Amino acid sequence: MVYYVVKVALSALLIVAIAEISKRSSLIAALLASVPLVSVLAMIWLYIDTRDSDKVAALASGIFWLVLPSLALFIALPLLLRHGFNFYLSMGLSILLTIGCYWGMVSLLNHVGIEI
């Protein structure tokens, strides 16, 4: 049980730290958020839990393919906000676009025989 509390606390601390740092420096916060810390932590937790390198490799490969469609959010959100859209509407539309891009990527990968 302590192990899970540590995992949750460390993951939450990372998110809170990035949010707090962004109040002072968007560059440093963006740098921290762009580093795949959550992915690295997930791979570490997975390896500690399973000792299965193949599962870690599969997770890393899946993350690679799904990072690409996630970029849609980071393109759409600032464009919508700069064009005067409300924050919540911009976020919602960006998330919907990203979901569509995820669906498209998973469909494409399945079509070419890449399984995540």
C-alpha atoms as a PDB file:
ATOM      1  CA  MET A   1       0.000   0.000   0.000  1.00  0.00           C
ATOM      2  CA  VAL A   2       2.845   2.402   0.820  1.00  0.00           C
ATOM      3  CA  TYR A   3       4.264   1.757  -2.657  1.00  0.00           C
ATOM      4  CA  TYR A   4       1.036   2.983  -4.299  1.00  0.00           C
ATOM      5  CA  VAL A   5       0.906   6.054  -2.087  1.00  0.00           C
ATOM      6  CA  VAL A   6       4.495   6.892  -3.099  1.00  0.00           C
ATOM      7  CA  LYS A   7       3.614   6.418  -6.797  1.00  0.00           C
ATOM      8  CA  VAL A   8       0.558   8.664  -6.548  1.00  0.00           C
ATOM      9  CA  ALA A   9       2.329  11.293  -4.434  1.00  0.00           C
ATOM     10  CA  LEU A  10       5.332  11.502  -6.750  1.00  0.00           C
ATOM     11  CA  SER A  11       3.152  11.736  -9.850  1.00  0.00           C
ATOM     12  CA  ALA A  12       0.903  14.394  -8.280  1.00  0.00           C
ATOM     13  CA  LEU A  13       3.899  16.355  -7.028  1.00  0.00           C
ATOM     14  CA  LEU A  14       5.221  16.534 -10.563  1.00  0.00           C
ATOM     15  CA  ILE A  15       1.968  17.981 -11.910  1.00  0.00           C
ATOM     16  CA  VAL A  16       1.643  20.506  -9.081  1.00  0.00           C
ATOM     17  CA  ALA A  17       5.287  21.557  -9.445  1.00  0.00           C
ATOM     18  CA  ILE A  18       4.854  22.231 -13.159  1.00  0.00           C
ATOM     19  CA  ALA A  19       1.661  24.226 -12.538  1.00  0.00           C
ATOM     20  CA  GLU A  20       3.341  26.322  -9.840  1.00  0.00           C
ATOM     21  CA  ILE A  21       6.509  26.897 -11.849  1.00  0.00           C
ATOM     22  CA  SER A  22       4.415  28.022 -14.826  1.00  0.00           C
ATOM     23  CA  LYS A  23       3.221  31.001 -12.753  1.00  0.00           C
ATOM     24  CA  ARG A  24       6.805  32.269 -12.717  1.00  0.00           C
ATOM     25  CA  SER A  25       8.289  30.926 -15.940  1.00  0.00           C
ATOM     26  CA  SER A  26       6.387  29.379 -18.804  1.00  0.00           C
ATOM     27  CA  LEU A  27       9.712  28.351 -20.386  1.00  0.00           C
ATOM     28  CA  ILE A  28      10.881  26.286 -17.410  1.00  0.00           C
ATOM     29  CA  ALA A  29       7.402  24.813 -16.885  1.00  0.00           C
ATOM     30  CA  ALA A  30       7.127  23.927 -20.565  1.00  0.00           C
ATOM     31  CA  LEU A  31      10.559  22.329 -20.467  1.00  0.00           C
ATOM     32  CA  LEU A  32       9.611  20.208 -17.445  1.00  0.00           C
ATOM     33  CA  ALA A  33       6.244  19.282 -18.930  1.00  0.00           C
ATOM     34  CA  SER A  34       7.758  18.385 -22.295  1.00  0.00           C
ATOM     35  CA  VAL A  35      10.295  16.019 -20.800  1.00  0.00           C
ATOM     36  CA  PRO A  36       8.538  12.660 -20.705  1.00  0.00           C
ATOM     37  CA  LEU A  37       8.778  12.402 -16.917  1.00  0.00           C
ATOM     38  CA  VAL A  38       5.362  10.809 -16.539  1.00  0.00           C
ATOM     39  CA  SER A  39       6.215   8.267 -19.235  1.00  0.00           C
ATOM     40  CA  VAL A  40       9.562   7.529 -17.613  1.00  0.00           C
ATOM     41  CA  LEU A  41       7.899   7.101 -14.224  1.00  0.00           C
ATOM     42  CA  ALA A  42       5.265   4.815 -15.760  1.00  0.00           C
ATOM     43  CA  MET A  43       7.977   2.676 -17.338  1.00  0.00           C
ATOM     44  CA  ILE A  44       9.885   2.522 -14.053  1.00  0.00           C
ATOM     45  CA  TRP A  45       6.730   1.574 -12.117  1.00  0.00           C
ATOM     46  CA  LEU A  46       5.884  -1.056 -14.756  1.00  0.00           C
ATOM     47  CA  TYR A  47       9.354  -2.578 -14.593  1.00  0.00           C
ATOM     48  CA  ILE A  48       9.399  -2.595 -10.784  1.00  0.00           C
ATOM     49  CA  ASP A  49       5.947  -4.214 -10.754  1.00  0.00           C
ATOM     50  CA  THR A  50       6.586  -6.831 -13.457  1.00  0.00           C
ATOM     51  CA  ARG A  51      10.351  -7.112 -14.097  1.00  0.00           C
ATOM     52  CA  ASP A  52       9.237  -7.585 -17.719  1.00  0.00           C
ATOM     53  CA  SER A  53      11.433  -5.704 -20.207  1.00  0.00           C
ATOM     54  CA  ASP A  54       9.153  -6.684 -23.086  1.00  0.00           C
ATOM     55  CA  LYS A  55       6.205  -4.917 -21.443  1.00  0.00           C
ATOM     56  CA  VAL A  56       8.342  -1.821 -20.901  1.00  0.00           C
ATOM     57  CA  ALA A  57       9.471  -1.920 -24.548  1.00  0.00           C
ATOM     58  CA  ALA A  58       5.852  -2.271 -25.703  1.00  0.00           C
ATOM     59  CA  LEU A  59       4.812   0.668 -23.527  1.00  0.00           C
ATOM     60  CA  ALA A  60       7.667   2.828 -24.850  1.00  0.00           C
ATOM     61  CA  SER A  61       6.754   1.943 -28.432  1.00  0.00           C
ATOM     62  CA  GLY A  62       3.075   2.726 -27.821  1.00  0.00           C
ATOM     63  CA  ILE A  63       3.976   6.042 -26.232  1.00  0.00           C
ATOM     64  CA  PHE A  64       6.088   6.935 -29.269  1.00  0.00           C
ATOM     65  CA  TRP A  65       3.244   6.342 -31.713  1.00  0.00           C
ATOM     66  CA  LEU A  66       0.676   8.147 -29.560  1.00  0.00           C
ATOM     67  CA  VAL A  67       2.815  11.210 -28.847  1.00  0.00           C
ATOM     68  CA  LEU A  68       2.369  12.206 -32.478  1.00  0.00           C
ATOM     69  CA  PRO A  69      -1.426  12.711 -32.374  1.00  0.00           C
ATOM     70  CA  SER A  70      -1.181  14.322 -28.927  1.00  0.00           C
ATOM     71  CA  LEU A  71       0.662  17.219 -30.556  1.00  0.00           C
ATOM     72  CA  ALA A  72      -2.646  18.329 -32.094  1.00  0.00           C
ATOM     73  CA  LEU A  73      -3.701  19.695 -28.698  1.00  0.00           C
ATOM     74  CA  PHE A  74      -0.585  21.849 -28.435  1.00  0.00           C
ATOM     75  CA  ILE A  75      -1.136  23.248 -31.911  1.00  0.00           C
ATOM     76  CA  ALA A  76      -4.897  23.838 -31.695  1.00  0.00           C
ATOM     77  CA  LEU A  77      -5.136  25.267 -28.163  1.00  0.00           C
ATOM     78  CA  PRO A  78      -2.865  28.292 -28.632  1.00  0.00           C
ATOM     79  CA  LEU A  79      -4.357  28.989 -32.071  1.00  0.00           C
ATOM     80  CA  LEU A  80      -7.895  29.012 -30.711  1.00  0.00           C
ATOM     81  CA  LEU A  81      -6.952  31.119 -27.687  1.00  0.00           C
ATOM     82  CA  ARG A  82      -5.096  33.644 -29.859  1.00  0.00           C
ATOM     83  CA  HIS A  83      -8.158  33.915 -32.068  1.00  0.00           C
ATOM     84  CA  GLY A  84     -10.238  34.980 -29.067  1.00  0.00           C
ATOM     85  CA  PHE A  85     -12.026  31.754 -28.235  1.00  0.00           C
ATOM     86  CA  ASN A  86     -13.013  31.204 -24.611  1.00  0.00           C
ATOM     87  CA  PHE A  87     -10.503  29.078 -22.662  1.00  0.00           C
ATOM     88  CA  TYR A  88     -12.913  26.246 -21.882  1.00  0.00           C
ATOM     89  CA  LEU A  89     -14.258  26.127 -25.432  1.00  0.00           C
ATOM     90  CA  SER A  90     -10.698  26.159 -26.789  1.00  0.00           C
ATOM     91  CA  MET A  91      -9.666  23.377 -24.436  1.00  0.00           C
ATOM     92  CA  GLY A  92     -12.746  21.307 -25.292  1.00  0.00           C
ATOM     93  CA  LEU A  93     -12.273  21.711 -29.050  1.00  0.00           C
ATOM     94  CA  SER A  94      -8.561  20.945 -28.742  1.00  0.00           C
ATOM     95  CA  ILE A  95      -9.296  17.795 -26.755  1.00  0.00           C
ATOM     96  CA  LEU A  96     -11.909  16.681 -29.305  1.00  0.00           C
ATOM     97  CA  LEU A  97      -9.430  17.267 -32.125  1.00  0.00           C
ATOM     98  CA  THR A  98      -6.805  15.297 -30.222  1.00  0.00           C
ATOM     99  CA  ILE A  99      -9.222  12.421 -29.658  1.00  0.00           C
ATOM    100  CA  GLY A 100      -9.906  12.403 -33.385  1.00  0.00           C
ATOM    101  CA  CYS A 101      -6.173  12.355 -34.091  1.00  0.00           C
ATOM    102  CA  TYR A 102      -5.709   9.464 -31.646  1.00  0.00           C
ATOM    103  CA  TRP A 103      -8.479   7.543 -33.378  1.00  0.00           C
ATOM    104  CA  GLY A 104      -6.918   8.270 -36.764  1.00  0.00           C
ATOM    105  CA  MET A 105      -3.454   7.182 -35.620  1.00  0.00           C
ATOM    106  CA  VAL A 106      -4.684   3.954 -34.019  1.00  0.00           C
ATOM    107  CA  SER A 107      -6.708   3.181 -37.167  1.00  0.00           C
ATOM    108  CA  LEU A 108      -3.683   3.874 -39.370  1.00  0.00           C
ATOM    109  CA  LEU A 109      -1.397   1.757 -37.198  1.00  0.00           C
ATOM    110  CA  ASN A 110      -3.882  -1.123 -37.232  1.00  0.00           C
ATOM    111  CA  HIS A 111      -4.164  -0.799 -41.012  1.00  0.00           C
ATOM    112  CA  VAL A 112      -0.389  -1.107 -41.486  1.00  0.00           C
ATOM    113  CA  GLY A 113      -0.116  -3.933 -38.943  1.00  0.00           C
ATOM    114  CA  ILE A 114       1.409  -2.088 -35.986  1.00  0.00           C
ATOM    115  CA  GLU A 115      -0.232  -3.199 -32.739  1.00  0.00           C
ATOM    116  CA  ILE A 116      -0.101  -1.071 -29.642  1.00  0.00           C
END
